[in-house]
Amino acid sequence: GKHWTVNEVRALIRIWSDKSIQQQLEGTVRNKRIFEQVAARLQKFGIDRDWKQCRTKYKNLKHEYKSVKSAQESGSTSKSMKFFNELDAILGHCTMEQASKSDNG
C-alpha cells in the first residue's frame, strides 16, 4: 500500500491512545473488529485506510517502539523513532507491567 503520512500516523496514534481501544487491543489476539473501528475513525479524519493497513501499521509501530525502548534501556541512544514519545505514553506503562508479571511467574 502507499506510505503513511505523518498526519495519518498521528491520527492512528490518537485513536490508539483511546483507553477503550487500548483495552480491547490488550485483551485480544483476533483483533480484526477493533481495527475495523480504527479504520472507520480514520475515515472521519478523511484518511482512507482499511483495517489490514491499520493493523500492519500498528504492529510495525509497536515493534519499532519496542526495539528503540530496549536499545535505550541498554544504554544506547543511537536508535530513535519519530513517534517515540507518543507511543511511550501509550505503551510505556503496560510493557513494564507485563514484564514484572512474567518475572513473578
N, C-alpha and C. Protein backbone atom coordinates (compact mmCIF):
# COMPACT_ATOMS: atom_id res chain seq x y z
N GLY A 1 0.81 -1.20 0.00
CA GLY A 1 0.00 0.00 0.00
C GLY A 1 0.85 1.26 0.00
N LYS A 2 0.23 2.41 -0.14
CA LYS A 2 1.00 3.64 -0.16
C LYS A 2 1.49 4.00 1.25
N HIS A 3 2.57 4.75 1.28
CA HIS A 3 3.18 5.11 2.56
C HIS A 3 2.25 5.94 3.43
N TRP A 4 2.35 5.74 4.72
CA TRP A 4 1.57 6.53 5.67
C TRP A 4 2.25 7.89 5.82
N THR A 5 1.46 8.95 5.76
CA THR A 5 2.00 10.29 6.00
C THR A 5 2.08 10.51 7.52
N VAL A 6 2.82 11.54 7.89
CA VAL A 6 2.94 11.90 9.30
C VAL A 6 1.56 12.14 9.92
N ASN A 7 0.70 12.86 9.19
CA ASN A 7 -0.64 13.14 9.69
C ASN A 7 -1.45 11.86 9.89
N GLU A 8 -1.30 10.92 8.98
CA GLU A 8 -2.03 9.66 9.08
C GLU A 8 -1.58 8.87 10.31
N VAL A 9 -0.27 8.83 10.51
CA VAL A 9 0.26 8.11 11.67
C VAL A 9 -0.18 8.79 12.96
N ARG A 10 -0.13 10.13 12.98
CA ARG A 10 -0.60 10.88 14.16
C ARG A 10 -2.05 10.53 14.48
N ALA A 11 -2.89 10.50 13.45
CA ALA A 11 -4.30 10.18 13.64
C ALA A 11 -4.46 8.77 14.17
N LEU A 12 -3.69 7.83 13.61
CA LEU A 12 -3.73 6.44 14.08
C LEU A 12 -3.35 6.36 15.55
N ILE A 13 -2.28 7.06 15.92
CA ILE A 13 -1.81 7.04 17.31
C ILE A 13 -2.85 7.68 18.23
N ARG A 14 -3.48 8.74 17.76
CA ARG A 14 -4.51 9.40 18.57
C ARG A 14 -5.66 8.45 18.87
N ILE A 15 -6.07 7.70 17.87
CA ILE A 15 -7.15 6.72 18.06
C ILE A 15 -6.67 5.60 18.99
N TRP A 16 -5.46 5.14 18.73
CA TRP A 16 -4.87 4.07 19.53
C TRP A 16 -4.72 4.47 20.99
N SER A 17 -4.51 5.76 21.26
CA SER A 17 -4.32 6.22 22.63
C SER A 17 -5.64 6.25 23.41
N ASP A 18 -6.75 6.06 22.72
CA ASP A 18 -8.06 5.96 23.37
C ASP A 18 -8.07 4.74 24.29
N LYS A 19 -8.42 4.98 25.55
CA LYS A 19 -8.37 3.92 26.56
C LYS A 19 -9.16 2.67 26.16
N SER A 20 -10.34 2.87 25.59
CA SER A 20 -11.18 1.72 25.26
C SER A 20 -10.55 0.89 24.13
N ILE A 21 -9.92 1.56 23.18
CA ILE A 21 -9.20 0.85 22.11
C ILE A 21 -8.03 0.06 22.70
N GLN A 22 -7.28 0.72 23.59
CA GLN A 22 -6.14 0.04 24.22
C GLN A 22 -6.57 -1.21 24.97
N GLN A 23 -7.64 -1.10 25.73
CA GLN A 23 -8.13 -2.24 26.50
C GLN A 23 -8.53 -3.38 25.57
N GLN A 24 -9.19 -3.04 24.49
CA GLN A 24 -9.59 -4.07 23.53
C GLN A 24 -8.38 -4.74 22.90
N LEU A 25 -7.37 -3.92 22.56
CA LEU A 25 -6.17 -4.47 21.93
C LEU A 25 -5.38 -5.35 22.89
N GLU A 26 -5.35 -4.95 24.16
CA GLU A 26 -4.61 -5.73 25.15
C GLU A 26 -5.30 -7.06 25.42
N GLY A 27 -6.62 -7.08 25.27
CA GLY A 27 -7.37 -8.25 25.66
C GLY A 27 -7.60 -9.28 24.57
N THR A 28 -7.07 -9.05 23.37
CA THR A 28 -7.42 -9.95 22.28
C THR A 28 -6.29 -10.14 21.28
N VAL A 29 -6.32 -11.29 20.62
CA VAL A 29 -5.39 -11.56 19.53
C VAL A 29 -6.10 -11.40 18.19
N ARG A 30 -7.33 -11.90 18.14
CA ARG A 30 -8.11 -11.74 16.91
C ARG A 30 -8.74 -10.35 16.94
N ASN A 31 -8.05 -9.41 16.34
CA ASN A 31 -8.45 -8.02 16.54
C ASN A 31 -8.95 -7.33 15.28
N LYS A 32 -9.39 -8.12 14.32
CA LYS A 32 -9.89 -7.53 13.09
C LYS A 32 -10.98 -6.49 13.37
N ARG A 33 -11.91 -6.84 14.26
CA ARG A 33 -13.05 -5.95 14.52
C ARG A 33 -12.58 -4.61 15.10
N ILE A 34 -11.58 -4.68 15.97
CA ILE A 34 -11.05 -3.45 16.56
C ILE A 34 -10.46 -2.56 15.48
N PHE A 35 -9.68 -3.18 14.58
CA PHE A 35 -9.05 -2.38 13.53
C PHE A 35 -10.06 -1.88 12.50
N GLU A 36 -11.19 -2.56 12.39
CA GLU A 36 -12.26 -2.03 11.55
C GLU A 36 -12.81 -0.74 12.18
N GLN A 37 -12.90 -0.73 13.51
CA GLN A 37 -13.30 0.50 14.22
C GLN A 37 -12.29 1.61 14.00
N VAL A 38 -11.02 1.24 14.12
CA VAL A 38 -9.93 2.21 13.93
C VAL A 38 -10.00 2.80 12.53
N ALA A 39 -10.17 1.93 11.54
CA ALA A 39 -10.25 2.39 10.15
C ALA A 39 -11.44 3.32 9.95
N ALA A 40 -12.56 2.98 10.60
CA ALA A 40 -13.76 3.82 10.49
C ALA A 40 -13.51 5.20 11.09
N ARG A 41 -12.78 5.24 12.20
CA ARG A 41 -12.46 6.53 12.82
C ARG A 41 -11.51 7.34 11.96
N LEU A 42 -10.55 6.66 11.34
CA LEU A 42 -9.62 7.36 10.44
C LEU A 42 -10.39 7.99 9.28
N GLN A 43 -11.41 7.28 8.82
CA GLN A 43 -12.25 7.77 7.74
C GLN A 43 -12.83 9.15 8.09
N LYS A 44 -13.18 9.31 9.37
CA LYS A 44 -13.73 10.59 9.82
C LYS A 44 -12.71 11.72 9.72
N PHE A 45 -11.43 11.37 9.80
CA PHE A 45 -10.37 12.37 9.60
C PHE A 45 -10.05 12.53 8.12
N GLY A 46 -10.80 11.84 7.27
CA GLY A 46 -10.55 11.89 5.84
C GLY A 46 -9.40 11.01 5.40
N ILE A 47 -9.08 10.00 6.22
CA ILE A 47 -7.96 9.10 5.91
C ILE A 47 -8.52 7.75 5.50
N ASP A 48 -8.15 7.34 4.30
CA ASP A 48 -8.74 6.14 3.74
C ASP A 48 -7.78 4.95 3.87
N ARG A 49 -7.94 4.19 4.94
CA ARG A 49 -7.13 3.00 5.18
C ARG A 49 -8.05 1.86 5.58
N ASP A 50 -7.75 0.66 5.09
CA ASP A 50 -8.57 -0.47 5.54
C ASP A 50 -7.99 -1.06 6.82
N TRP A 51 -8.73 -1.98 7.43
CA TRP A 51 -8.33 -2.50 8.74
C TRP A 51 -6.98 -3.21 8.68
N LYS A 52 -6.69 -3.85 7.54
CA LYS A 52 -5.42 -4.56 7.42
C LYS A 52 -4.23 -3.60 7.45
N GLN A 53 -4.39 -2.48 6.75
CA GLN A 53 -3.34 -1.47 6.74
C GLN A 53 -3.14 -0.91 8.15
N CYS A 54 -4.24 -0.68 8.85
CA CYS A 54 -4.17 -0.17 10.22
C CYS A 54 -3.46 -1.15 11.13
N ARG A 55 -3.81 -2.43 10.99
CA ARG A 55 -3.19 -3.44 11.86
C ARG A 55 -1.70 -3.58 11.57
N THR A 56 -1.36 -3.56 10.29
CA THR A 56 0.05 -3.68 9.92
C THR A 56 0.85 -2.50 10.46
N LYS A 57 0.29 -1.30 10.30
CA LYS A 57 0.98 -0.11 10.78
C LYS A 57 1.13 -0.15 12.30
N TYR A 58 0.07 -0.56 12.97
CA TYR A 58 0.08 -0.70 14.42
C TYR A 58 1.19 -1.67 14.86
N LYS A 59 1.25 -2.82 14.21
CA LYS A 59 2.26 -3.82 14.55
C LYS A 59 3.67 -3.28 14.31
N ASN A 60 3.85 -2.60 13.18
CA ASN A 60 5.17 -2.06 12.85
C ASN A 60 5.61 -1.00 13.84
N LEU A 61 4.69 -0.10 14.21
CA LEU A 61 5.00 0.95 15.17
C LEU A 61 5.35 0.34 16.52
N LYS A 62 4.58 -0.66 16.92
CA LYS A 62 4.79 -1.30 18.20
C LYS A 62 6.16 -1.99 18.24
N HIS A 63 6.47 -2.66 17.14
CA HIS A 63 7.75 -3.36 17.03
C HIS A 63 8.92 -2.37 17.07
N GLU A 64 8.78 -1.29 16.30
CA GLU A 64 9.82 -0.28 16.24
C GLU A 64 10.01 0.37 17.62
N TYR A 65 8.89 0.67 18.27
CA TYR A 65 8.94 1.26 19.61
C TYR A 65 9.70 0.34 20.57
N LYS A 66 9.35 -0.94 20.55
CA LYS A 66 9.97 -1.88 21.47
C LYS A 66 11.48 -1.99 21.25
N SER A 67 11.91 -1.97 19.99
CA SER A 67 13.34 -2.09 19.73
C SER A 67 14.09 -0.83 20.14
N VAL A 68 13.46 0.35 19.95
CA VAL A 68 14.07 1.61 20.41
C VAL A 68 14.14 1.63 21.94
N LYS A 69 13.03 1.20 22.57
CA LYS A 69 12.94 1.19 24.03
C LYS A 69 14.01 0.29 24.64
N SER A 70 14.17 -0.90 24.10
CA SER A 70 15.15 -1.82 24.68
C SER A 70 16.57 -1.34 24.41
N ALA A 71 16.77 -0.69 23.26
CA ALA A 71 18.08 -0.10 22.98
C ALA A 71 18.41 0.98 24.00
N GLN A 72 17.40 1.81 24.31
CA GLN A 72 17.61 2.88 25.31
C GLN A 72 17.91 2.29 26.68
N GLU A 73 17.18 1.23 27.04
CA GLU A 73 17.37 0.63 28.35
C GLU A 73 18.75 0.00 28.49
N SER A 74 19.32 -0.42 27.35
CA SER A 74 20.66 -0.98 27.41
C SER A 74 21.73 0.10 27.22
N GLY A 75 21.29 1.37 27.26
CA GLY A 75 22.24 2.48 27.26
C GLY A 75 22.58 3.05 25.90
N SER A 76 21.97 2.51 24.85
CA SER A 76 22.25 3.03 23.52
C SER A 76 21.28 4.15 23.19
N THR A 77 21.80 5.27 22.71
CA THR A 77 20.93 6.38 22.34
C THR A 77 20.90 6.58 20.83
N SER A 78 21.55 5.67 20.10
CA SER A 78 21.65 5.85 18.65
C SER A 78 20.31 5.56 17.98
N LYS A 79 19.51 4.68 18.58
CA LYS A 79 18.22 4.34 17.98
C LYS A 79 17.17 5.35 18.41
N SER A 80 16.39 5.81 17.45
CA SER A 80 15.27 6.67 17.80
C SER A 80 14.20 6.51 16.73
N MET A 81 13.02 7.01 17.02
CA MET A 81 11.96 6.98 16.03
C MET A 81 11.09 8.22 16.17
N LYS A 82 10.35 8.51 15.11
CA LYS A 82 9.61 9.75 15.04
C LYS A 82 8.57 9.90 16.14
N PHE A 83 7.81 8.85 16.40
CA PHE A 83 6.65 8.98 17.30
C PHE A 83 6.90 8.33 18.65
N PHE A 84 8.19 8.27 19.05
CA PHE A 84 8.52 7.53 20.26
C PHE A 84 7.77 8.05 21.49
N ASN A 85 7.75 9.37 21.68
CA ASN A 85 7.12 9.92 22.88
C ASN A 85 5.62 9.63 22.93
N GLU A 86 4.96 9.75 21.77
CA GLU A 86 3.53 9.45 21.72
C GLU A 86 3.28 7.99 22.08
N LEU A 87 4.12 7.10 21.52
CA LEU A 87 3.94 5.68 21.76
C LEU A 87 4.33 5.32 23.18
N ASP A 88 5.33 6.02 23.71
CA ASP A 88 5.76 5.74 25.07
C ASP A 88 4.63 6.07 26.05
N ALA A 89 3.87 7.11 25.73
CA ALA A 89 2.73 7.47 26.57
C ALA A 89 1.68 6.36 26.59
N ILE A 90 1.56 5.65 25.46
CA ILE A 90 0.58 4.57 25.38
C ILE A 90 1.15 3.26 25.90
N LEU A 91 2.36 2.94 25.45
CA LEU A 91 2.92 1.61 25.69
C LEU A 91 3.86 1.54 26.88
N GLY A 92 4.37 2.69 27.30
CA GLY A 92 5.37 2.70 28.36
C GLY A 92 4.90 2.03 29.63
N HIS A 93 3.64 2.31 30.01
CA HIS A 93 3.13 1.78 31.27
C HIS A 93 2.85 0.30 31.19
N CYS A 94 2.24 -0.14 30.09
CA CYS A 94 1.79 -1.54 30.06
C CYS A 94 2.93 -2.51 29.82
N THR A 95 3.98 -2.09 29.12
CA THR A 95 5.09 -3.03 28.89
C THR A 95 5.82 -3.33 30.19
N MET A 96 5.97 -2.33 31.05
CA MET A 96 6.64 -2.55 32.33
C MET A 96 5.81 -3.50 33.19
N GLU A 97 4.50 -3.28 33.21
CA GLU A 97 3.59 -4.11 33.99
C GLU A 97 3.68 -5.57 33.57
N GLN A 98 3.63 -5.78 32.26
CA GLN A 98 3.66 -7.14 31.73
C GLN A 98 5.01 -7.79 32.04
N ALA A 99 6.07 -7.00 31.97
CA ALA A 99 7.40 -7.54 32.25
C ALA A 99 7.49 -8.04 33.69
N SER A 100 6.94 -7.25 34.64
CA SER A 100 7.04 -7.65 36.03
C SER A 100 6.14 -8.85 36.33
N LYS A 101 5.01 -8.92 35.63
CA LYS A 101 4.12 -10.07 35.80
C LYS A 101 4.84 -11.36 35.43
N SER A 102 5.55 -11.34 34.31
CA SER A 102 6.19 -12.57 33.85
C SER A 102 7.37 -12.95 34.75
N ASP A 103 7.98 -11.98 35.42
CA ASP A 103 9.07 -12.28 36.35
C ASP A 103 8.57 -13.05 37.56
N ASN A 104 7.37 -12.69 38.01
CA ASN A 104 6.84 -13.29 39.22
C ASN A 104 6.33 -14.70 38.99
N GLY A 105 6.11 -15.07 37.73
CA GLY A 105 5.57 -16.37 37.42
C GLY A 105 6.63 -17.41 37.59
